[in-house]
Amino acid sequence: MHPADLDIDKEGRIWVVGKYNIVGDAVQVVQYNKYGLPVAMFDVTSQRREWFPKIAVNARDSRIIVAAFGEILVFKPNGSFDGSLDKEDGVRLKYVTTDKDGNILATDSFSSRVHVYDHNGRCLFSFGTASPPKGICTDPLGHIFVTDDSANGRVDMFTSRGEFVRTVVNVKNPRAIAMGPGGQLVVTNLHSMVTIFPRQIVSPDE
């Protein structure tokens, strides 16, 4: 499998989503234990093509959330399909994460919006971003961080209700982001670079 994204559940198990091969359409999810050994797997099937699927594990109920084929698909830990998010026509969801309450957040680069769903997949609200968003993550306080791949690439911070707070950092061509255990912000970019920013830069209280 060619890995595309990963997340870690509350038991420390690693969940990886990727493709059987780089030119095929089949998407696969593999679970690894703490020692890197594969222990389970399941397929994500569709008639449409997906190059870079994304994944998140919901800490509330350990369900596996896969962003692929323009949709957000939800699976139980045993791999059985558990439904998809209730999205409007024309919405194409790309990056996905969850927050401390188990809500599911996904970016929509076509409409420059972030959509927020409850853990059952019902849309709660959405909010706009300055430019088409890419990666997304949240912190323990509920703040939402979104990468903005405009000419002045940056990571913006929003409140849990989608109100803009400030631009946190500037990064050229940012893509995926994650929040480290100590509050560090980890940002990947289009040029195979990973940048880690300290908590003092990220925290709204610093």
N, C-alpha and C. Protein backbone atom coordinates (compact mmCIF):
# COMPACT_ATOMS: atom_id res chain seq x y z
N MET A 1 0.84 -1.20 0.00
CA MET A 1 0.00 0.00 0.00
C MET A 1 0.87 1.24 0.00
N HIS A 2 0.45 2.25 -0.76
CA HIS A 2 1.11 3.55 -0.74
C HIS A 2 0.37 4.43 0.28
N PRO A 3 0.99 4.72 1.44
CA PRO A 3 0.30 5.49 2.48
C PRO A 3 0.07 6.94 2.07
N ALA A 4 -1.08 7.49 2.49
CA ALA A 4 -1.40 8.88 2.18
C ALA A 4 -1.62 9.73 3.43
N ASP A 5 -2.09 9.11 4.52
CA ASP A 5 -2.38 9.87 5.74
C ASP A 5 -2.48 8.88 6.90
N LEU A 6 -2.37 9.41 8.15
CA LEU A 6 -2.49 8.54 9.31
C LEU A 6 -3.03 9.31 10.50
N ASP A 7 -3.51 8.55 11.50
CA ASP A 7 -3.91 9.12 12.78
C ASP A 7 -3.67 8.05 13.84
N ILE A 8 -3.67 8.46 15.10
CA ILE A 8 -3.42 7.55 16.20
C ILE A 8 -4.62 7.60 17.14
N ASP A 9 -5.13 6.42 17.53
CA ASP A 9 -6.29 6.39 18.43
C ASP A 9 -5.84 6.48 19.89
N LYS A 10 -6.80 6.51 20.81
CA LYS A 10 -6.48 6.71 22.23
C LYS A 10 -5.76 5.53 22.85
N GLU A 11 -5.75 4.39 22.16
CA GLU A 11 -5.01 3.23 22.64
C GLU A 11 -3.59 3.19 22.08
N GLY A 12 -3.23 4.18 21.27
CA GLY A 12 -1.90 4.23 20.70
C GLY A 12 -1.73 3.46 19.42
N ARG A 13 -2.84 2.95 18.87
CA ARG A 13 -2.77 2.23 17.60
C ARG A 13 -2.76 3.21 16.44
N ILE A 14 -2.03 2.86 15.41
CA ILE A 14 -1.84 3.73 14.25
C ILE A 14 -2.77 3.27 13.13
N TRP A 15 -3.53 4.20 12.58
CA TRP A 15 -4.43 3.92 11.46
C TRP A 15 -3.91 4.66 10.23
N VAL A 16 -3.68 3.92 9.17
CA VAL A 16 -3.11 4.49 7.95
C VAL A 16 -4.08 4.27 6.79
N VAL A 17 -4.28 5.30 5.98
CA VAL A 17 -5.09 5.16 4.76
C VAL A 17 -4.18 5.38 3.57
N GLY A 18 -4.40 4.60 2.52
CA GLY A 18 -3.59 4.72 1.32
C GLY A 18 -4.23 3.99 0.16
N LYS A 19 -3.42 3.69 -0.84
CA LYS A 19 -3.92 3.04 -2.05
C LYS A 19 -3.15 1.76 -2.31
N TYR A 20 -3.82 0.81 -2.97
CA TYR A 20 -3.15 -0.43 -3.34
C TYR A 20 -1.92 -0.16 -4.19
N ASN A 21 -2.10 0.72 -5.16
CA ASN A 21 -0.97 1.14 -6.00
C ASN A 21 -1.22 2.56 -6.44
N ILE A 22 -0.20 3.22 -6.89
CA ILE A 22 -0.26 4.65 -7.13
C ILE A 22 -1.18 5.02 -8.29
N VAL A 23 -1.45 4.09 -9.21
CA VAL A 23 -2.30 4.41 -10.35
C VAL A 23 -3.70 3.82 -10.22
N GLY A 24 -3.93 3.00 -9.21
CA GLY A 24 -5.24 2.38 -9.04
C GLY A 24 -6.21 3.27 -8.29
N ASP A 25 -7.44 2.77 -8.13
CA ASP A 25 -8.48 3.54 -7.46
C ASP A 25 -8.81 3.01 -6.07
N ALA A 26 -8.38 1.80 -5.74
CA ALA A 26 -8.78 1.16 -4.49
C ALA A 26 -8.10 1.82 -3.30
N VAL A 27 -8.90 2.22 -2.31
CA VAL A 27 -8.40 2.83 -1.09
C VAL A 27 -8.50 1.81 0.03
N GLN A 28 -7.47 1.77 0.88
CA GLN A 28 -7.39 0.77 1.93
C GLN A 28 -7.02 1.44 3.25
N VAL A 29 -7.58 0.92 4.36
CA VAL A 29 -7.22 1.36 5.71
C VAL A 29 -6.56 0.20 6.43
N VAL A 30 -5.41 0.46 7.04
CA VAL A 30 -4.69 -0.57 7.79
C VAL A 30 -4.44 -0.06 9.21
N GLN A 31 -4.70 -0.93 10.19
CA GLN A 31 -4.41 -0.61 11.58
C GLN A 31 -3.12 -1.31 12.00
N TYR A 32 -2.23 -0.55 12.64
CA TYR A 32 -0.97 -1.10 13.15
C TYR A 32 -0.95 -0.98 14.67
N ASN A 33 -0.25 -1.91 15.33
CA ASN A 33 -0.10 -1.78 16.78
C ASN A 33 1.04 -0.83 17.10
N LYS A 34 1.35 -0.69 18.38
CA LYS A 34 2.38 0.26 18.81
C LYS A 34 3.76 -0.08 18.27
N TYR A 35 3.94 -1.32 17.84
CA TYR A 35 5.25 -1.76 17.38
C TYR A 35 5.35 -1.78 15.85
N GLY A 36 4.33 -1.24 15.18
CA GLY A 36 4.37 -1.13 13.73
C GLY A 36 3.95 -2.36 12.98
N LEU A 37 3.31 -3.31 13.66
CA LEU A 37 2.86 -4.54 13.00
C LEU A 37 1.39 -4.39 12.60
N PRO A 38 1.04 -4.71 11.35
CA PRO A 38 -0.36 -4.62 10.91
C PRO A 38 -1.22 -5.66 11.61
N VAL A 39 -2.37 -5.22 12.12
CA VAL A 39 -3.25 -6.14 12.84
C VAL A 39 -4.64 -6.22 12.23
N ALA A 40 -5.01 -5.28 11.39
CA ALA A 40 -6.34 -5.30 10.76
C ALA A 40 -6.33 -4.42 9.54
N MET A 41 -7.28 -4.65 8.64
CA MET A 41 -7.38 -3.82 7.44
C MET A 41 -8.78 -3.93 6.87
N PHE A 42 -9.19 -2.91 6.11
CA PHE A 42 -10.45 -2.97 5.37
C PHE A 42 -10.35 -2.06 4.16
N ASP A 43 -11.21 -2.29 3.18
CA ASP A 43 -11.21 -1.54 1.93
C ASP A 43 -12.27 -0.45 1.95
N VAL A 44 -11.99 0.63 1.24
CA VAL A 44 -12.94 1.73 1.03
C VAL A 44 -13.19 1.77 -0.47
N THR A 45 -14.38 1.40 -0.88
CA THR A 45 -14.65 1.25 -2.30
C THR A 45 -15.52 2.38 -2.84
N SER A 46 -15.33 2.69 -4.10
CA SER A 46 -16.12 3.70 -4.81
C SER A 46 -15.87 3.55 -6.30
N GLN A 47 -16.77 4.09 -7.09
CA GLN A 47 -16.59 4.10 -8.54
C GLN A 47 -15.74 5.28 -9.00
N ARG A 48 -15.43 6.19 -8.07
CA ARG A 48 -14.67 7.38 -8.43
C ARG A 48 -13.21 7.25 -8.03
N ARG A 49 -12.38 8.07 -8.62
CA ARG A 49 -10.93 8.03 -8.38
C ARG A 49 -10.56 8.93 -7.20
N GLU A 50 -9.61 8.48 -6.39
CA GLU A 50 -9.10 9.28 -5.29
C GLU A 50 -7.59 9.11 -5.21
N TRP A 51 -6.86 10.22 -5.29
CA TRP A 51 -5.41 10.14 -5.27
C TRP A 51 -4.85 10.20 -3.86
N PHE A 52 -5.40 11.07 -3.01
CA PHE A 52 -4.82 11.28 -1.69
C PHE A 52 -5.90 11.24 -0.60
N PRO A 53 -6.35 10.06 -0.20
CA PRO A 53 -7.35 9.96 0.87
C PRO A 53 -6.78 10.45 2.20
N LYS A 54 -7.67 10.89 3.10
CA LYS A 54 -7.28 11.37 4.43
C LYS A 54 -8.02 10.57 5.49
N ILE A 55 -7.50 10.59 6.73
CA ILE A 55 -8.09 9.78 7.80
C ILE A 55 -8.03 10.52 9.13
N ALA A 56 -9.01 10.24 9.99
CA ALA A 56 -9.01 10.72 11.37
C ALA A 56 -9.72 9.68 12.22
N VAL A 57 -9.30 9.55 13.48
CA VAL A 57 -9.96 8.65 14.42
C VAL A 57 -10.68 9.50 15.45
N ASN A 58 -11.97 9.25 15.62
CA ASN A 58 -12.77 10.03 16.55
C ASN A 58 -12.51 9.53 17.98
N ALA A 59 -11.95 10.39 18.83
CA ALA A 59 -11.63 9.99 20.20
C ALA A 59 -12.88 9.69 21.02
N ARG A 60 -14.03 10.21 20.60
CA ARG A 60 -15.28 9.99 21.35
C ARG A 60 -15.73 8.55 21.29
N ASP A 61 -15.66 7.94 20.09
CA ASP A 61 -16.20 6.59 19.93
C ASP A 61 -15.30 5.67 19.11
N SER A 62 -14.07 6.13 18.79
CA SER A 62 -13.07 5.33 18.06
C SER A 62 -13.49 4.98 16.64
N ARG A 63 -14.51 5.66 16.12
CA ARG A 63 -14.87 5.41 14.73
C ARG A 63 -13.82 6.00 13.79
N ILE A 64 -13.66 5.35 12.64
CA ILE A 64 -12.66 5.74 11.68
C ILE A 64 -13.31 6.61 10.61
N ILE A 65 -12.76 7.79 10.38
CA ILE A 65 -13.33 8.75 9.45
C ILE A 65 -12.38 8.88 8.27
N VAL A 66 -12.87 8.61 7.08
CA VAL A 66 -12.04 8.64 5.88
C VAL A 66 -12.59 9.69 4.92
N ALA A 67 -11.72 10.60 4.50
CA ALA A 67 -12.07 11.57 3.47
C ALA A 67 -11.56 11.05 2.14
N ALA A 68 -12.48 10.69 1.25
CA ALA A 68 -12.11 10.15 -0.06
C ALA A 68 -13.27 10.33 -1.01
N PHE A 69 -12.94 10.52 -2.29
CA PHE A 69 -13.95 10.64 -3.34
C PHE A 69 -14.86 11.85 -3.13
N GLY A 70 -14.34 12.89 -2.43
CA GLY A 70 -15.12 14.09 -2.19
C GLY A 70 -16.12 13.95 -1.06
N GLU A 71 -16.07 12.83 -0.33
CA GLU A 71 -17.01 12.57 0.75
C GLU A 71 -16.26 12.26 2.04
N ILE A 72 -16.99 12.27 3.16
CA ILE A 72 -16.47 11.82 4.44
C ILE A 72 -17.23 10.54 4.80
N LEU A 73 -16.51 9.44 4.85
CA LEU A 73 -17.10 8.13 5.12
C LEU A 73 -16.71 7.69 6.52
N VAL A 74 -17.64 7.09 7.25
CA VAL A 74 -17.41 6.69 8.63
C VAL A 74 -17.48 5.18 8.75
N PHE A 75 -16.51 4.60 9.48
CA PHE A 75 -16.43 3.16 9.67
C PHE A 75 -16.28 2.84 11.16
N LYS A 76 -16.83 1.72 11.57
CA LYS A 76 -16.57 1.24 12.92
C LYS A 76 -15.15 0.67 12.96
N PRO A 77 -14.55 0.53 14.15
CA PRO A 77 -13.18 0.02 14.23
C PRO A 77 -12.98 -1.35 13.60
N ASN A 78 -14.06 -2.13 13.48
CA ASN A 78 -13.94 -3.45 12.84
C ASN A 78 -14.01 -3.37 11.32
N GLY A 79 -14.13 -2.16 10.77
CA GLY A 79 -14.14 -1.98 9.33
C GLY A 79 -15.50 -1.94 8.69
N SER A 80 -16.56 -2.16 9.45
CA SER A 80 -17.90 -2.13 8.86
C SER A 80 -18.33 -0.68 8.61
N PHE A 81 -18.98 -0.46 7.47
CA PHE A 81 -19.40 0.88 7.07
C PHE A 81 -20.48 1.40 8.01
N ASP A 82 -20.35 2.66 8.45
CA ASP A 82 -21.27 3.23 9.42
C ASP A 82 -21.92 4.51 8.93
N GLY A 83 -21.85 4.76 7.62
CA GLY A 83 -22.53 5.91 7.04
C GLY A 83 -21.58 6.97 6.55
N SER A 84 -22.16 8.04 6.00
CA SER A 84 -21.38 9.17 5.49
C SER A 84 -22.00 10.46 6.00
N LEU A 85 -21.25 11.54 5.91
CA LEU A 85 -21.75 12.81 6.41
C LEU A 85 -22.82 13.38 5.48
N ASP A 86 -23.76 14.07 6.08
CA ASP A 86 -24.87 14.66 5.35
C ASP A 86 -24.41 15.99 4.75
N LYS A 87 -23.93 15.96 3.51
CA LYS A 87 -23.40 17.18 2.91
C LYS A 87 -24.28 17.65 1.75
N GLU A 88 -24.22 18.94 1.47
CA GLU A 88 -25.00 19.54 0.40
C GLU A 88 -24.38 19.20 -0.96
N ASP A 89 -25.19 19.33 -1.98
CA ASP A 89 -24.68 19.13 -3.35
C ASP A 89 -23.62 20.18 -3.65
N GLY A 90 -22.58 19.77 -4.35
CA GLY A 90 -21.52 20.69 -4.72
C GLY A 90 -20.41 20.80 -3.70
N VAL A 91 -20.61 20.26 -2.50
CA VAL A 91 -19.57 20.28 -1.47
C VAL A 91 -18.61 19.12 -1.71
N ARG A 92 -17.33 19.40 -1.77
CA ARG A 92 -16.32 18.37 -1.97
C ARG A 92 -15.33 18.44 -0.82
N LEU A 93 -15.51 17.55 0.15
CA LEU A 93 -14.72 17.57 1.36
C LEU A 93 -13.37 16.90 1.13
N LYS A 94 -12.31 17.47 1.73
CA LYS A 94 -10.96 17.00 1.42
C LYS A 94 -10.18 16.56 2.65
N TYR A 95 -9.87 17.50 3.56
CA TYR A 95 -9.14 17.17 4.78
C TYR A 95 -10.12 17.06 5.94
N VAL A 96 -9.79 16.22 6.93
CA VAL A 96 -10.74 15.95 8.00
C VAL A 96 -10.01 15.83 9.34
N THR A 97 -10.71 16.21 10.41
CA THR A 97 -10.21 16.03 11.77
C THR A 97 -11.41 15.97 12.70
N THR A 98 -11.16 15.75 13.99
CA THR A 98 -12.22 15.79 15.01
C THR A 98 -11.79 16.71 16.13
N ASP A 99 -12.77 17.16 16.94
CA ASP A 99 -12.42 18.01 18.07
C ASP A 99 -12.64 17.27 19.38
N LYS A 100 -12.47 17.97 20.49
CA LYS A 100 -12.54 17.35 21.82
C LYS A 100 -13.92 16.80 22.15
N ASP A 101 -14.96 17.29 21.47
CA ASP A 101 -16.32 16.83 21.73
C ASP A 101 -16.76 15.72 20.77
N GLY A 102 -15.88 15.31 19.87
CA GLY A 102 -16.23 14.27 18.91
C GLY A 102 -16.86 14.80 17.64
N ASN A 103 -16.93 16.13 17.49
CA ASN A 103 -17.45 16.68 16.24
C ASN A 103 -16.43 16.45 15.12
N ILE A 104 -16.93 16.36 13.90
CA ILE A 104 -16.10 16.12 12.72
C ILE A 104 -16.00 17.41 11.93
N LEU A 105 -14.77 17.81 11.59
CA LEU A 105 -14.54 19.04 10.84
C LEU A 105 -13.85 18.69 9.53
N ALA A 106 -14.32 19.29 8.44
CA ALA A 106 -13.75 18.99 7.12
C ALA A 106 -13.63 20.26 6.30
N THR A 107 -12.55 20.36 5.52
CA THR A 107 -12.36 21.52 4.66
C THR A 107 -12.95 21.25 3.28
N ASP A 108 -13.45 22.31 2.69
CA ASP A 108 -14.04 22.26 1.35
C ASP A 108 -13.34 23.33 0.51
N SER A 109 -12.35 22.90 -0.28
CA SER A 109 -11.54 23.86 -1.04
C SER A 109 -12.30 24.46 -2.22
N PHE A 110 -13.42 23.87 -2.62
CA PHE A 110 -14.18 24.40 -3.74
C PHE A 110 -14.96 25.65 -3.34
N SER A 111 -15.47 25.66 -2.12
CA SER A 111 -16.27 26.80 -1.68
C SER A 111 -15.55 27.64 -0.63
N SER A 112 -14.28 27.31 -0.33
CA SER A 112 -13.50 28.03 0.69
C SER A 112 -14.25 28.08 2.01
N ARG A 113 -14.67 26.89 2.47
CA ARG A 113 -15.40 26.80 3.72
C ARG A 113 -14.91 25.61 4.54
N VAL A 114 -15.20 25.68 5.83
CA VAL A 114 -15.01 24.56 6.75
C VAL A 114 -16.38 24.14 7.25
N HIS A 115 -16.67 22.85 7.18
CA HIS A 115 -17.97 22.32 7.61
C HIS A 115 -17.78 21.53 8.90
N VAL A 116 -18.67 21.75 9.85
CA VAL A 116 -18.59 21.09 11.15
C VAL A 116 -19.83 20.22 11.34
N TYR A 117 -19.60 18.94 11.68
CA TYR A 117 -20.67 17.96 11.87
C TYR A 117 -20.59 17.38 13.28
N ASP A 118 -21.74 16.94 13.80
CA ASP A 118 -21.68 16.24 15.08
C ASP A 118 -21.20 14.82 14.86
N HIS A 119 -21.05 14.04 15.94
CA HIS A 119 -20.48 12.70 15.80
C HIS A 119 -21.40 11.74 15.06
N ASN A 120 -22.66 12.14 14.87
CA ASN A 120 -23.59 11.31 14.09
C ASN A 120 -23.64 11.72 12.62
N GLY A 121 -22.84 12.72 12.23
CA GLY A 121 -22.78 13.12 10.83
C GLY A 121 -23.75 14.20 10.42
N ARG A 122 -24.44 14.82 11.38
CA ARG A 122 -25.37 15.91 11.05
C ARG A 122 -24.61 17.23 11.02
N CYS A 123 -24.85 18.03 9.99
CA CYS A 123 -24.15 19.30 9.85
C CYS A 123 -24.61 20.28 10.93
N LEU A 124 -23.66 20.84 11.69
CA LEU A 124 -23.95 21.82 12.71
C LEU A 124 -23.87 23.24 12.16
N PHE A 125 -22.79 23.54 11.46
CA PHE A 125 -22.61 24.85 10.86
C PHE A 125 -21.39 24.80 9.95
N SER A 126 -21.19 25.87 9.20
CA SER A 126 -19.99 26.00 8.38
C SER A 126 -19.54 27.45 8.43
N PHE A 127 -18.28 27.67 8.10
CA PHE A 127 -17.78 29.04 8.08
C PHE A 127 -16.77 29.21 6.96
N GLY A 128 -16.64 30.43 6.49
CA GLY A 128 -15.77 30.71 5.35
C GLY A 128 -14.33 30.98 5.76
N THR A 129 -13.43 30.76 4.82
CA THR A 129 -12.02 31.08 4.99
C THR A 129 -11.60 32.05 3.89
N ALA A 130 -10.48 32.72 4.09
CA ALA A 130 -10.06 33.76 3.15
C ALA A 130 -9.75 33.19 1.77
N SER A 131 -9.19 31.99 1.72
CA SER A 131 -8.83 31.32 0.47
C SER A 131 -9.15 29.85 0.61
N PRO A 132 -9.09 29.07 -0.49
CA PRO A 132 -9.39 27.64 -0.38
C PRO A 132 -8.55 26.96 0.70
N PRO A 133 -9.17 26.35 1.71
CA PRO A 133 -8.43 25.73 2.81
C PRO A 133 -7.91 24.35 2.43
N LYS A 134 -6.86 23.93 3.13
CA LYS A 134 -6.29 22.59 2.94
C LYS A 134 -6.42 21.82 4.24
N GLY A 135 -5.31 21.70 4.99
CA GLY A 135 -5.31 20.91 6.22
C GLY A 135 -6.07 21.58 7.34
N ILE A 136 -6.44 20.76 8.35
CA ILE A 136 -7.20 21.27 9.48
C ILE A 136 -6.88 20.44 10.72
N CYS A 137 -6.83 21.11 11.88
CA CYS A 137 -6.69 20.40 13.15
C CYS A 137 -7.30 21.27 14.24
N THR A 138 -7.42 20.71 15.44
CA THR A 138 -7.96 21.44 16.58
C THR A 138 -7.03 21.27 17.77
N ASP A 139 -7.16 22.17 18.76
CA ASP A 139 -6.39 22.01 19.99
C ASP A 139 -7.34 21.62 21.13
N PRO A 140 -6.81 21.30 22.32
CA PRO A 140 -7.66 20.86 23.43
C PRO A 140 -8.68 21.89 23.88
N LEU A 141 -8.46 23.16 23.57
CA LEU A 141 -9.40 24.21 23.94
C LEU A 141 -10.51 24.39 22.91
N GLY A 142 -10.40 23.69 21.81
CA GLY A 142 -11.44 23.78 20.78
C GLY A 142 -11.13 24.72 19.64
N HIS A 143 -9.99 25.40 19.68
CA HIS A 143 -9.63 26.27 18.56
C HIS A 143 -9.42 25.44 17.30
N ILE A 144 -9.76 26.03 16.16
CA ILE A 144 -9.64 25.37 14.86
C ILE A 144 -8.51 26.03 14.09
N PHE A 145 -7.61 25.22 13.56
CA PHE A 145 -6.49 25.72 12.77
C PHE A 145 -6.63 25.21 11.33
N VAL A 146 -6.49 26.12 10.38
CA VAL A 146 -6.70 25.79 8.97
C VAL A 146 -5.54 26.34 8.15
N THR A 147 -5.01 25.53 7.23
CA THR A 147 -3.97 26.03 6.33
C THR A 147 -4.61 26.74 5.15
N ASP A 148 -4.00 27.83 4.75
CA ASP A 148 -4.48 28.67 3.66
C ASP A 148 -3.38 28.72 2.61
N ASP A 149 -3.62 28.09 1.47
CA ASP A 149 -2.59 27.99 0.43
C ASP A 149 -2.73 29.12 -0.59
N SER A 150 -2.85 30.35 -0.10
CA SER A 150 -2.91 31.51 -1.00
C SER A 150 -1.48 31.94 -1.32
N ALA A 151 -1.33 33.09 -1.96
CA ALA A 151 0.02 33.56 -2.32
C ALA A 151 0.88 33.73 -1.08
N ASN A 152 0.26 34.19 0.02
CA ASN A 152 0.97 34.30 1.29
C ASN A 152 0.52 33.16 2.20
N GLY A 153 1.00 31.95 1.90
CA GLY A 153 0.55 30.77 2.62
C GLY A 153 0.66 30.94 4.13
N ARG A 154 -0.36 30.49 4.85
CA ARG A 154 -0.38 30.70 6.29
C ARG A 154 -1.27 29.66 6.97
N VAL A 155 -1.21 29.66 8.30
CA VAL A 155 -2.13 28.87 9.12
C VAL A 155 -2.94 29.86 9.95
N ASP A 156 -4.26 29.80 9.82
CA ASP A 156 -5.15 30.69 10.54
C ASP A 156 -5.82 29.97 11.69
N MET A 157 -6.08 30.73 12.77
CA MET A 157 -6.78 30.20 13.95
C MET A 157 -8.19 30.75 14.00
N PHE A 158 -9.15 29.88 14.32
CA PHE A 158 -10.55 30.26 14.49
C PHE A 158 -11.04 29.75 15.85
N THR A 159 -12.10 30.35 16.36
CA THR A 159 -12.71 29.82 17.56
C THR A 159 -13.47 28.54 17.22
N SER A 160 -14.00 27.87 18.24
CA SER A 160 -14.76 26.65 18.02
C SER A 160 -16.05 26.92 17.24
N ARG A 161 -16.45 28.19 17.13
CA ARG A 161 -17.65 28.56 16.37
C ARG A 161 -17.31 29.12 15.00
N GLY A 162 -16.02 29.08 14.64
CA GLY A 162 -15.63 29.52 13.30
C GLY A 162 -15.33 31.00 13.17
N GLU A 163 -15.13 31.70 14.29
CA GLU A 163 -14.80 33.13 14.22
C GLU A 163 -13.29 33.29 14.10
N PHE A 164 -12.86 34.10 13.15
CA PHE A 164 -11.43 34.29 12.92
C PHE A 164 -10.77 34.93 14.14
N VAL A 165 -9.62 34.37 14.55
CA VAL A 165 -8.86 34.92 15.67
C VAL A 165 -7.62 35.65 15.16
N ARG A 166 -6.75 34.94 14.46
CA ARG A 166 -5.54 35.55 13.93
C ARG A 166 -4.81 34.57 13.03
N THR A 167 -3.86 35.08 12.25
CA THR A 167 -2.94 34.23 11.52
C THR A 167 -1.83 33.82 12.48
N VAL A 168 -1.62 32.52 12.61
CA VAL A 168 -0.66 32.00 13.59
C VAL A 168 0.76 32.01 13.03
N VAL A 169 0.94 31.44 11.84
CA VAL A 169 2.26 31.37 11.22
C VAL A 169 2.11 31.50 9.71
N ASN A 170 3.20 31.85 9.06
CA ASN A 170 3.24 31.88 7.60
C ASN A 170 4.14 30.75 7.11
N VAL A 171 3.63 29.96 6.18
CA VAL A 171 4.35 28.82 5.62
C VAL A 171 4.07 28.77 4.13
N LYS A 172 5.09 28.59 3.33
CA LYS A 172 4.92 28.52 1.89
C LYS A 172 4.26 27.20 1.51
N ASN A 173 3.16 27.28 0.77
CA ASN A 173 2.43 26.10 0.27
C ASN A 173 2.11 25.09 1.35
N PRO A 174 1.44 25.50 2.44
CA PRO A 174 1.12 24.54 3.51
C PRO A 174 0.07 23.53 3.07
N ARG A 175 0.14 22.36 3.66
CA ARG A 175 -0.83 21.30 3.38
C ARG A 175 -1.41 20.77 4.69
N ALA A 176 -1.04 19.58 5.11
CA ALA A 176 -1.60 18.98 6.31
C ALA A 176 -0.98 19.60 7.57
N ILE A 177 -1.77 19.62 8.65
CA ILE A 177 -1.30 20.12 9.94
C ILE A 177 -1.78 19.20 11.05
N ALA A 178 -1.07 19.24 12.18
CA ALA A 178 -1.46 18.46 13.35
C ALA A 178 -1.00 19.20 14.59
N MET A 179 -1.66 18.92 15.73
CA MET A 179 -1.29 19.51 16.99
C MET A 179 -0.52 18.48 17.81
N GLY A 180 0.71 18.83 18.23
CA GLY A 180 1.53 17.93 19.02
C GLY A 180 1.04 17.83 20.45
N PRO A 181 1.54 16.85 21.23
CA PRO A 181 1.08 16.64 22.60
C PRO A 181 1.40 17.78 23.54
N GLY A 182 2.40 18.58 23.21
CA GLY A 182 2.75 19.73 24.04
C GLY A 182 2.24 21.04 23.50
N GLY A 183 1.31 20.99 22.54
CA GLY A 183 0.76 22.20 21.95
C GLY A 183 1.53 22.72 20.77
N GLN A 184 2.51 21.94 20.28
CA GLN A 184 3.26 22.36 19.09
C GLN A 184 2.38 22.22 17.84
N LEU A 185 2.61 23.08 16.87
CA LEU A 185 1.90 23.00 15.60
C LEU A 185 2.84 22.40 14.56
N VAL A 186 2.43 21.30 13.95
CA VAL A 186 3.23 20.60 12.95
C VAL A 186 2.60 20.84 11.59
N VAL A 187 3.39 21.38 10.65
CA VAL A 187 2.87 21.76 9.34
C VAL A 187 3.71 21.11 8.24
N THR A 188 3.05 20.43 7.31
CA THR A 188 3.74 19.93 6.13
C THR A 188 3.47 20.89 4.97
N ASN A 189 4.37 20.88 3.98
CA ASN A 189 4.10 21.71 2.82
C ASN A 189 4.30 20.92 1.53
N LEU A 190 4.04 21.60 0.43
CA LEU A 190 4.05 20.96 -0.88
C LEU A 190 5.44 20.49 -1.28
N HIS A 191 6.48 21.00 -0.61
CA HIS A 191 7.85 20.72 -1.01
C HIS A 191 8.55 19.72 -0.07
N SER A 192 7.76 18.81 0.51
CA SER A 192 8.29 17.72 1.34
C SER A 192 9.01 18.22 2.58
N MET A 193 8.54 19.34 3.13
CA MET A 193 9.12 19.89 4.35
C MET A 193 8.12 19.77 5.49
N VAL A 194 8.64 19.50 6.69
CA VAL A 194 7.84 19.49 7.91
C VAL A 194 8.40 20.55 8.84
N THR A 195 7.55 21.46 9.31
CA THR A 195 7.98 22.53 10.21
C THR A 195 7.20 22.41 11.51
N ILE A 196 7.92 22.48 12.64
CA ILE A 196 7.29 22.39 13.95
C ILE A 196 7.42 23.75 14.64
N PHE A 197 6.28 24.34 15.02
CA PHE A 197 6.26 25.62 15.70
C PHE A 197 5.95 25.39 17.18
N PRO A 198 6.66 26.07 18.09
CA PRO A 198 6.46 25.85 19.52
C PRO A 198 5.12 26.36 20.02
N ARG A 199 4.72 25.85 21.16
CA ARG A 199 3.44 26.22 21.75
C ARG A 199 3.34 27.73 21.97
N GLN A 200 4.45 28.39 22.30
CA GLN A 200 4.42 29.81 22.58
C GLN A 200 3.94 30.63 21.38
N ILE A 201 4.16 30.13 20.18
CA ILE A 201 3.72 30.83 18.98
C ILE A 201 2.24 30.54 18.71
N VAL A 202 1.83 29.32 19.03
CA VAL A 202 0.50 28.84 18.66
C VAL A 202 -0.57 29.26 19.66
N SER A 203 -0.26 29.19 20.96
CA SER A 203 -1.27 29.40 22.00
C SER A 203 -1.85 30.80 21.95
N PRO A 204 -3.19 30.91 22.02
CA PRO A 204 -3.81 32.25 22.01
C PRO A 204 -3.52 33.04 23.25
N ASP A 205 -3.02 32.38 24.31
CA ASP A 205 -2.77 33.05 25.57
C ASP A 205 -1.33 33.49 25.74
N GLU A 206 -0.46 33.09 24.77
CA GLU A 206 0.97 33.42 24.89
C GLU A 206 1.25 34.82 24.34
